[in-house]
Amino acid sequence: MKTFVVIYYLEQDFKINRLIEAESQEEAVKKIQEDGDLISFTNSKGIYHELKRSDVKLIQMGLAKKQNAAQQQNVN
């Protein structure tokens, strides 16, 4: 299983990151497309997000960089 980071750009300097677990990038894209007009998820910090797809200006996705154990502890 791979981890992909999805970045939703809403305004000029406002973006929301989302992590998606999938076997391939194609599978991750399908998961994003299944959201429909209302995108809702809880991020890795436990914060719930809900946004309208029509408010999203750009969606980018790429393979997430792996963090070492020390970095992961600092995130929480």
PDB file of N, CA and C in Angstrom:
ATOM      1  N   MET A   1       0.850  -1.175   0.000  1.00  0.00           N
ATOM      2  CA  MET A   1       0.000   0.000   0.000  1.00  0.00           C
ATOM      3  C   MET A   1       0.897   1.239   0.000  1.00  0.00           C
ATOM      4  N   LYS A   2       0.545   2.207  -0.807  1.00  0.00           N
ATOM      5  CA  LYS A   2       1.302   3.463  -0.904  1.00  0.00           C
ATOM      6  C   LYS A   2       0.479   4.589  -0.297  1.00  0.00           C
ATOM      7  N   THR A   3       1.154   5.633   0.109  1.00  0.00           N
ATOM      8  CA  THR A   3       0.484   6.813   0.644  1.00  0.00           C
ATOM      9  C   THR A   3       0.660   7.957  -0.345  1.00  0.00           C
ATOM     10  N   PHE A   4      -0.460   8.569  -0.710  1.00  0.00           N
ATOM     11  CA  PHE A   4      -0.457   9.707  -1.621  1.00  0.00           C
ATOM     12  C   PHE A   4      -0.933  10.939  -0.876  1.00  0.00           C
ATOM     13  N   VAL A   5      -0.310  12.070  -1.182  1.00  0.00           N
ATOM     14  CA  VAL A   5      -0.760  13.328  -0.613  1.00  0.00           C
ATOM     15  C   VAL A   5      -1.577  14.046  -1.676  1.00  0.00           C
ATOM     16  N   VAL A   6      -2.762  14.488  -1.255  1.00  0.00           N
ATOM     17  CA  VAL A   6      -3.664  15.235  -2.133  1.00  0.00           C
ATOM     18  C   VAL A   6      -3.735  16.652  -1.575  1.00  0.00           C
ATOM     19  N   ILE A   7      -3.529  17.632  -2.436  1.00  0.00           N
ATOM     20  CA  ILE A   7      -3.570  19.031  -2.011  1.00  0.00           C
ATOM     21  C   ILE A   7      -4.742  19.705  -2.712  1.00  0.00           C
ATOM     22  N   TYR A   8      -5.671  20.218  -1.898  1.00  0.00           N
ATOM     23  CA  TYR A   8      -6.824  20.963  -2.420  1.00  0.00           C
ATOM     24  C   TYR A   8      -6.521  22.451  -2.254  1.00  0.00           C
ATOM     25  N   TYR A   9      -6.463  23.182  -3.348  1.00  0.00           N
ATOM     26  CA  TYR A   9      -6.241  24.625  -3.320  1.00  0.00           C
ATOM     27  C   TYR A   9      -7.599  25.315  -3.389  1.00  0.00           C
ATOM     28  N   LEU A  10      -7.891  26.148  -2.378  1.00  0.00           N
ATOM     29  CA  LEU A  10      -9.191  26.812  -2.308  1.00  0.00           C
ATOM     30  C   LEU A  10      -9.111  28.293  -2.659  1.00  0.00           C
ATOM     31  N   GLU A  11      -8.139  28.960  -2.153  1.00  0.00           N
ATOM     32  CA  GLU A  11      -7.929  30.379  -2.420  1.00  0.00           C
ATOM     33  C   GLU A  11      -6.456  30.565  -2.775  1.00  0.00           C
ATOM     34  N   GLN A  12      -6.060  31.788  -3.001  1.00  0.00           N
ATOM     35  CA  GLN A  12      -4.694  32.063  -3.438  1.00  0.00           C
ATOM     36  C   GLN A  12      -3.650  31.418  -2.524  1.00  0.00           C
ATOM     37  N   ASP A  13      -3.756  31.596  -1.226  1.00  0.00           N
ATOM     38  CA  ASP A  13      -2.757  31.071  -0.294  1.00  0.00           C
ATOM     39  C   ASP A  13      -3.344  30.062   0.690  1.00  0.00           C
ATOM     40  N   PHE A  14      -4.479  29.463   0.355  1.00  0.00           N
ATOM     41  CA  PHE A  14      -5.130  28.532   1.276  1.00  0.00           C
ATOM     42  C   PHE A  14      -5.248  27.162   0.627  1.00  0.00           C
ATOM     43  N   LYS A  15      -4.682  26.174   1.299  1.00  0.00           N
ATOM     44  CA  LYS A  15      -4.739  24.813   0.781  1.00  0.00           C
ATOM     45  C   LYS A  15      -4.944  23.842   1.935  1.00  0.00           C
ATOM     46  N   ILE A  16      -5.501  22.668   1.605  1.00  0.00           N
ATOM     47  CA  ILE A  16      -5.731  21.612   2.585  1.00  0.00           C
ATOM     48  C   ILE A  16      -5.082  20.344   2.053  1.00  0.00           C
ATOM     49  N   ASN A  17      -4.297  19.686   2.895  1.00  0.00           N
ATOM     50  CA  ASN A  17      -3.634  18.439   2.518  1.00  0.00           C
ATOM     51  C   ASN A  17      -4.418  17.252   3.047  1.00  0.00           C
ATOM     52  N   ARG A  18      -4.416  16.185   2.266  1.00  0.00           N
ATOM     53  CA  ARG A  18      -5.108  14.949   2.626  1.00  0.00           C
ATOM     54  C   ARG A  18      -4.215  13.769   2.242  1.00  0.00           C
ATOM     55  N   LEU A  19      -4.133  12.776   3.100  1.00  0.00           N
ATOM     56  CA  LEU A  19      -3.388  11.565   2.791  1.00  0.00           C
ATOM     57  C   LEU A  19      -4.356  10.463   2.402  1.00  0.00           C
ATOM     58  N   ILE A  20      -4.036   9.752   1.338  1.00  0.00           N
ATOM     59  CA  ILE A  20      -4.866   8.654   0.853  1.00  0.00           C
ATOM     60  C   ILE A  20      -3.983   7.420   0.690  1.00  0.00           C
ATOM     61  N   GLU A  21      -4.450   6.301   1.232  1.00  0.00           N
ATOM     62  CA  GLU A  21      -3.762   5.020   1.073  1.00  0.00           C
ATOM     63  C   GLU A  21      -4.368   4.300  -0.133  1.00  0.00           C
ATOM     64  N   ALA A  22      -3.518   3.847  -1.042  1.00  0.00           N
ATOM     65  CA  ALA A  22      -3.988   3.136  -2.233  1.00  0.00           C
ATOM     66  C   ALA A  22      -2.843   2.303  -2.804  1.00  0.00           C
ATOM     67  N   GLU A  23      -3.204   1.317  -3.608  1.00  0.00           N
ATOM     68  CA  GLU A  23      -2.204   0.462  -4.255  1.00  0.00           C
ATOM     69  C   GLU A  23      -1.481   1.191  -5.387  1.00  0.00           C
ATOM     70  N   SER A  24      -2.180   2.121  -6.049  1.00  0.00           N
ATOM     71  CA  SER A  24      -1.602   2.841  -7.189  1.00  0.00           C
ATOM     72  C   SER A  24      -2.166   4.255  -7.235  1.00  0.00           C
ATOM     73  N   GLN A  25      -1.537   5.084  -8.056  1.00  0.00           N
ATOM     74  CA  GLN A  25      -2.044   6.449  -8.208  1.00  0.00           C
ATOM     75  C   GLN A  25      -3.414   6.439  -8.875  1.00  0.00           C
ATOM     76  N   GLU A  26      -3.630   5.512  -9.787  1.00  0.00           N
ATOM     77  CA  GLU A  26      -4.934   5.414 -10.454  1.00  0.00           C
ATOM     78  C   GLU A  26      -6.038   5.107  -9.450  1.00  0.00           C
ATOM     79  N   GLU A  27      -5.752   4.216  -8.494  1.00  0.00           N
ATOM     80  CA  GLU A  27      -6.735   3.893  -7.454  1.00  0.00           C
ATOM     81  C   GLU A  27      -6.995   5.104  -6.558  1.00  0.00           C
ATOM     82  N   ALA A  28      -5.944   5.863  -6.250  1.00  0.00           N
ATOM     83  CA  ALA A  28      -6.096   7.071  -5.433  1.00  0.00           C
ATOM     84  C   ALA A  28      -6.954   8.109  -6.156  1.00  0.00           C
ATOM     85  N   VAL A  29      -6.759   8.248  -7.463  1.00  0.00           N
ATOM     86  CA  VAL A  29      -7.575   9.179  -8.254  1.00  0.00           C
ATOM     87  C   VAL A  29      -9.043   8.767  -8.195  1.00  0.00           C
ATOM     88  N   LYS A  30      -9.310   7.483  -8.313  1.00  0.00           N
ATOM     89  CA  LYS A  30     -10.693   6.994  -8.235  1.00  0.00           C
ATOM     90  C   LYS A  30     -11.324   7.331  -6.896  1.00  0.00           C
ATOM     91  N   LYS A  31     -10.549   7.208  -5.815  1.00  0.00           N
ATOM     92  CA  LYS A  31     -11.070   7.538  -4.489  1.00  0.00           C
ATOM     93  C   LYS A  31     -11.446   9.016  -4.406  1.00  0.00           C
ATOM     94  N   ILE A  32     -10.626   9.870  -4.998  1.00  0.00           N
ATOM     95  CA  ILE A  32     -10.920  11.307  -4.999  1.00  0.00           C
ATOM     96  C   ILE A  32     -12.189  11.583  -5.807  1.00  0.00           C
ATOM     97  N   GLN A  33     -12.309  10.943  -6.955  1.00  0.00           N
ATOM     98  CA  GLN A  33     -13.466  11.170  -7.822  1.00  0.00           C
ATOM     99  C   GLN A  33     -14.755  10.655  -7.207  1.00  0.00           C
ATOM    100  N   GLU A  34     -14.670   9.653  -6.337  1.00  0.00           N
ATOM    101  CA  GLU A  34     -15.858   9.110  -5.668  1.00  0.00           C
ATOM    102  C   GLU A  34     -16.463  10.080  -4.665  1.00  0.00           C
ATOM    103  N   ASP A  35     -15.701  11.088  -4.260  1.00  0.00           N
ATOM    104  CA  ASP A  35     -16.196  12.056  -3.279  1.00  0.00           C
ATOM    105  C   ASP A  35     -17.404  12.832  -3.782  1.00  0.00           C
ATOM    106  N   GLY A  36     -17.512  13.014  -5.089  1.00  0.00           N
ATOM    107  CA  GLY A  36     -18.632  13.776  -5.637  1.00  0.00           C
ATOM    108  C   GLY A  36     -18.488  15.261  -5.365  1.00  0.00           C
ATOM    109  N   ASP A  37     -19.633  15.942  -5.167  1.00  0.00           N
ATOM    110  CA  ASP A  37     -19.632  17.395  -4.989  1.00  0.00           C
ATOM    111  C   ASP A  37     -19.233  17.830  -3.586  1.00  0.00           C
ATOM    112  N   LEU A  38     -19.339  16.923  -2.617  1.00  0.00           N
ATOM    113  CA  LEU A  38     -18.971  17.249  -1.242  1.00  0.00           C
ATOM    114  C   LEU A  38     -17.794  16.381  -0.826  1.00  0.00           C
ATOM    115  N   ILE A  39     -16.687  17.022  -0.526  1.00  0.00           N
ATOM    116  CA  ILE A  39     -15.474  16.333  -0.110  1.00  0.00           C
ATOM    117  C   ILE A  39     -15.391  16.431   1.406  1.00  0.00           C
ATOM    118  N   SER A  40     -15.318  15.291   2.080  1.00  0.00           N
ATOM    119  CA  SER A  40     -15.194  15.308   3.532  1.00  0.00           C
ATOM    120  C   SER A  40     -14.206  14.237   3.970  1.00  0.00           C
ATOM    121  N   PHE A  41     -13.346  14.597   4.923  1.00  0.00           N
ATOM    122  CA  PHE A  41     -12.344  13.667   5.442  1.00  0.00           C
ATOM    123  C   PHE A  41     -11.765  14.225   6.732  1.00  0.00           C
ATOM    124  N   THR A  42     -11.150  13.351   7.493  1.00  0.00           N
ATOM    125  CA  THR A  42     -10.411  13.725   8.697  1.00  0.00           C
ATOM    126  C   THR A  42      -8.931  13.536   8.387  1.00  0.00           C
ATOM    127  N   ASN A  43      -8.141  14.571   8.632  1.00  0.00           N
ATOM    128  CA  ASN A  43      -6.723  14.490   8.283  1.00  0.00           C
ATOM    129  C   ASN A  43      -5.934  13.734   9.344  1.00  0.00           C
ATOM    130  N   SER A  44      -4.638  13.609   9.132  1.00  0.00           N
ATOM    131  CA  SER A  44      -3.777  12.831  10.023  1.00  0.00           C
ATOM    132  C   SER A  44      -3.649  13.455  11.417  1.00  0.00           C
ATOM    133  N   LYS A  45      -4.040  14.721  11.563  1.00  0.00           N
ATOM    134  CA  LYS A  45      -4.014  15.383  12.869  1.00  0.00           C
ATOM    135  C   LYS A  45      -5.367  15.316  13.569  1.00  0.00           C
ATOM    136  N   GLY A  46      -6.326  14.622  12.958  1.00  0.00           N
ATOM    137  CA  GLY A  46      -7.643  14.462  13.563  1.00  0.00           C
ATOM    138  C   GLY A  46      -8.599  15.614  13.293  1.00  0.00           C
ATOM    139  N   ILE A  47      -8.271  16.488  12.356  1.00  0.00           N
ATOM    140  CA  ILE A  47      -9.120  17.633  12.027  1.00  0.00           C
ATOM    141  C   ILE A  47     -10.051  17.245  10.888  1.00  0.00           C
ATOM    142  N   TYR A  48     -11.356  17.456  11.102  1.00  0.00           N
ATOM    143  CA  TYR A  48     -12.358  17.136  10.090  1.00  0.00           C
ATOM    144  C   TYR A  48     -12.466  18.286   9.087  1.00  0.00           C
ATOM    145  N   HIS A  49     -12.501  17.936   7.797  1.00  0.00           N
ATOM    146  CA  HIS A  49     -12.643  18.923   6.726  1.00  0.00           C
ATOM    147  C   HIS A  49     -13.854  18.549   5.871  1.00  0.00           C
ATOM    148  N   GLU A  50     -14.598  19.554   5.474  1.00  0.00           N
ATOM    149  CA  GLU A  50     -15.716  19.356   4.553  1.00  0.00           C
ATOM    150  C   GLU A  50     -15.738  20.557   3.614  1.00  0.00           C
ATOM    151  N   LEU A  51     -15.669  20.287   2.318  1.00  0.00           N
ATOM    152  CA  LEU A  51     -15.647  21.385   1.362  1.00  0.00           C
ATOM    153  C   LEU A  51     -16.391  21.001   0.094  1.00  0.00           C
ATOM    154  N   LYS A  52     -16.871  22.009  -0.594  1.00  0.00           N
ATOM    155  CA  LYS A  52     -17.570  21.796  -1.858  1.00  0.00           C
ATOM    156  C   LYS A  52     -16.544  21.732  -2.980  1.00  0.00           C
ATOM    157  N   ARG A  53     -16.707  20.767  -3.857  1.00  0.00           N
ATOM    158  CA  ARG A  53     -15.785  20.640  -4.986  1.00  0.00           C
ATOM    159  C   ARG A  53     -15.782  21.925  -5.819  1.00  0.00           C
ATOM    160  N   SER A  54     -16.905  22.608  -5.913  1.00  0.00           N
ATOM    161  CA  SER A  54     -16.972  23.837  -6.711  1.00  0.00           C
ATOM    162  C   SER A  54     -16.112  24.955  -6.128  1.00  0.00           C
ATOM    163  N   ASP A  55     -15.759  24.860  -4.828  1.00  0.00           N
ATOM    164  CA  ASP A  55     -14.884  25.852  -4.196  1.00  0.00           C
ATOM    165  C   ASP A  55     -13.405  25.557  -4.419  1.00  0.00           C
ATOM    166  N   VAL A  56     -13.106  24.357  -4.887  1.00  0.00           N
ATOM    167  CA  VAL A  56     -11.717  23.951  -5.086  1.00  0.00           C
ATOM    168  C   VAL A  56     -11.240  24.466  -6.440  1.00  0.00           C
ATOM    169  N   LYS A  57     -10.121  25.181  -6.429  1.00  0.00           N
ATOM    170  CA  LYS A  57      -9.561  25.747  -7.658  1.00  0.00           C
ATOM    171  C   LYS A  57      -8.640  24.762  -8.377  1.00  0.00           C
ATOM    172  N   LEU A  58      -7.941  23.923  -7.603  1.00  0.00           N
ATOM    173  CA  LEU A  58      -6.968  22.999  -8.173  1.00  0.00           C
ATOM    174  C   LEU A  58      -6.783  21.835  -7.215  1.00  0.00           C
ATOM    175  N   ILE A  59      -6.634  20.633  -7.763  1.00  0.00           N
ATOM    176  CA  ILE A  59      -6.312  19.452  -6.966  1.00  0.00           C
ATOM    177  C   ILE A  59      -5.022  18.870  -7.516  1.00  0.00           C
ATOM    178  N   GLN A  60      -4.036  18.669  -6.635  1.00  0.00           N
ATOM    179  CA  GLN A  60      -2.775  18.037  -7.013  1.00  0.00           C
ATOM    180  C   GLN A  60      -2.582  16.803  -6.157  1.00  0.00           C
ATOM    181  N   MET A  61      -1.926  15.782  -6.745  1.00  0.00           N
ATOM    182  CA  MET A  61      -1.652  14.571  -5.995  1.00  0.00           C
ATOM    183  C   MET A  61      -0.280  14.028  -6.366  1.00  0.00           C
ATOM    184  N   GLY A  62       0.403  13.505  -5.374  1.00  0.00           N
ATOM    185  CA  GLY A  62       1.690  12.871  -5.607  1.00  0.00           C
ATOM    186  C   GLY A  62       1.982  11.873  -4.501  1.00  0.00           C
ATOM    187  N   LEU A  63       2.994  11.096  -4.701  1.00  0.00           N
ATOM    188  CA  LEU A  63       3.408  10.120  -3.708  1.00  0.00           C
ATOM    189  C   LEU A  63       3.950  10.854  -2.490  1.00  0.00           C
ATOM    190  N   ALA A  64       3.462  10.494  -1.306  1.00  0.00           N
ATOM    191  CA  ALA A  64       3.904  11.154  -0.072  1.00  0.00           C
ATOM    192  C   ALA A  64       5.334  10.749   0.248  1.00  0.00           C
ATOM    193  N   LYS A  65       6.082  11.685   0.781  1.00  0.00           N
ATOM    194  CA  LYS A  65       7.455  11.399   1.211  1.00  0.00           C
ATOM    195  C   LYS A  65       7.392  10.628   2.519  1.00  0.00           C
ATOM    196  N   LYS A  66       8.264   9.644   2.657  1.00  0.00           N
ATOM    197  CA  LYS A  66       8.318   8.872   3.898  1.00  0.00           C
ATOM    198  C   LYS A  66       9.032   9.689   4.963  1.00  0.00           C
ATOM    199  N   GLN A  67       8.492   9.610   6.188  1.00  0.00           N
ATOM    200  CA  GLN A  67       9.108  10.298   7.317  1.00  0.00           C
ATOM    201  C   GLN A  67       9.762   9.262   8.213  1.00  0.00           C
ATOM    202  N   ASN A  68      10.846   9.675   8.841  1.00  0.00           N
ATOM    203  CA  ASN A  68      11.448   8.746   9.802  1.00  0.00           C
ATOM    204  C   ASN A  68      10.680   8.809  11.107  1.00  0.00           C
ATOM    205  N   ALA A  69      10.953   7.910  12.022  1.00  0.00           N
ATOM    206  CA  ALA A  69      10.198   7.796  13.268  1.00  0.00           C
ATOM    207  C   ALA A  69      10.241   9.076  14.082  1.00  0.00           C
ATOM    208  N   ALA A  70      11.384   9.767  14.117  1.00  0.00           N
ATOM    209  CA  ALA A  70      11.509  11.016  14.907  1.00  0.00           C
ATOM    210  C   ALA A  70      10.597  12.090  14.339  1.00  0.00           C
ATOM    211  N   GLN A  71      10.523  12.227  13.019  1.00  0.00           N
ATOM    212  CA  GLN A  71       9.665  13.239  12.410  1.00  0.00           C
ATOM    213  C   GLN A  71       8.208  12.924  12.669  1.00  0.00           C
ATOM    214  N   GLN A  72       7.819  11.647  12.605  1.00  0.00           N
ATOM    215  CA  GLN A  72       6.441  11.260  12.830  1.00  0.00           C
ATOM    216  C   GLN A  72       6.014  11.582  14.251  1.00  0.00           C
ATOM    217  N   GLN A  73       6.900  11.414  15.218  1.00  0.00           N
ATOM    218  CA  GLN A  73       6.558  11.726  16.607  1.00  0.00           C
ATOM    219  C   GLN A  73       6.352  13.231  16.783  1.00  0.00           C
ATOM    220  N   ASN A  74       7.109  14.047  16.058  1.00  0.00           N
ATOM    221  CA  ASN A  74       6.971  15.492  16.170  1.00  0.00           C
ATOM    222  C   ASN A  74       5.674  15.992  15.553  1.00  0.00           C
ATOM    223  N   VAL A  75       5.119  15.278  14.591  1.00  0.00           N
ATOM    224  CA  VAL A  75       3.884  15.703  13.938  1.00  0.00           C
ATOM    225  C   VAL A  75       2.712  15.585  14.896  1.00  0.00           C
ATOM    226  N   ASN A  76       2.684  14.545  15.698  1.00  0.00           N
ATOM    227  CA  ASN A  76       1.547  14.304  16.604  1.00  0.00           C
ATOM    228  C   ASN A  76       1.574  15.207  17.751  1.00  0.00           C
TER     229      ASN A  76
END
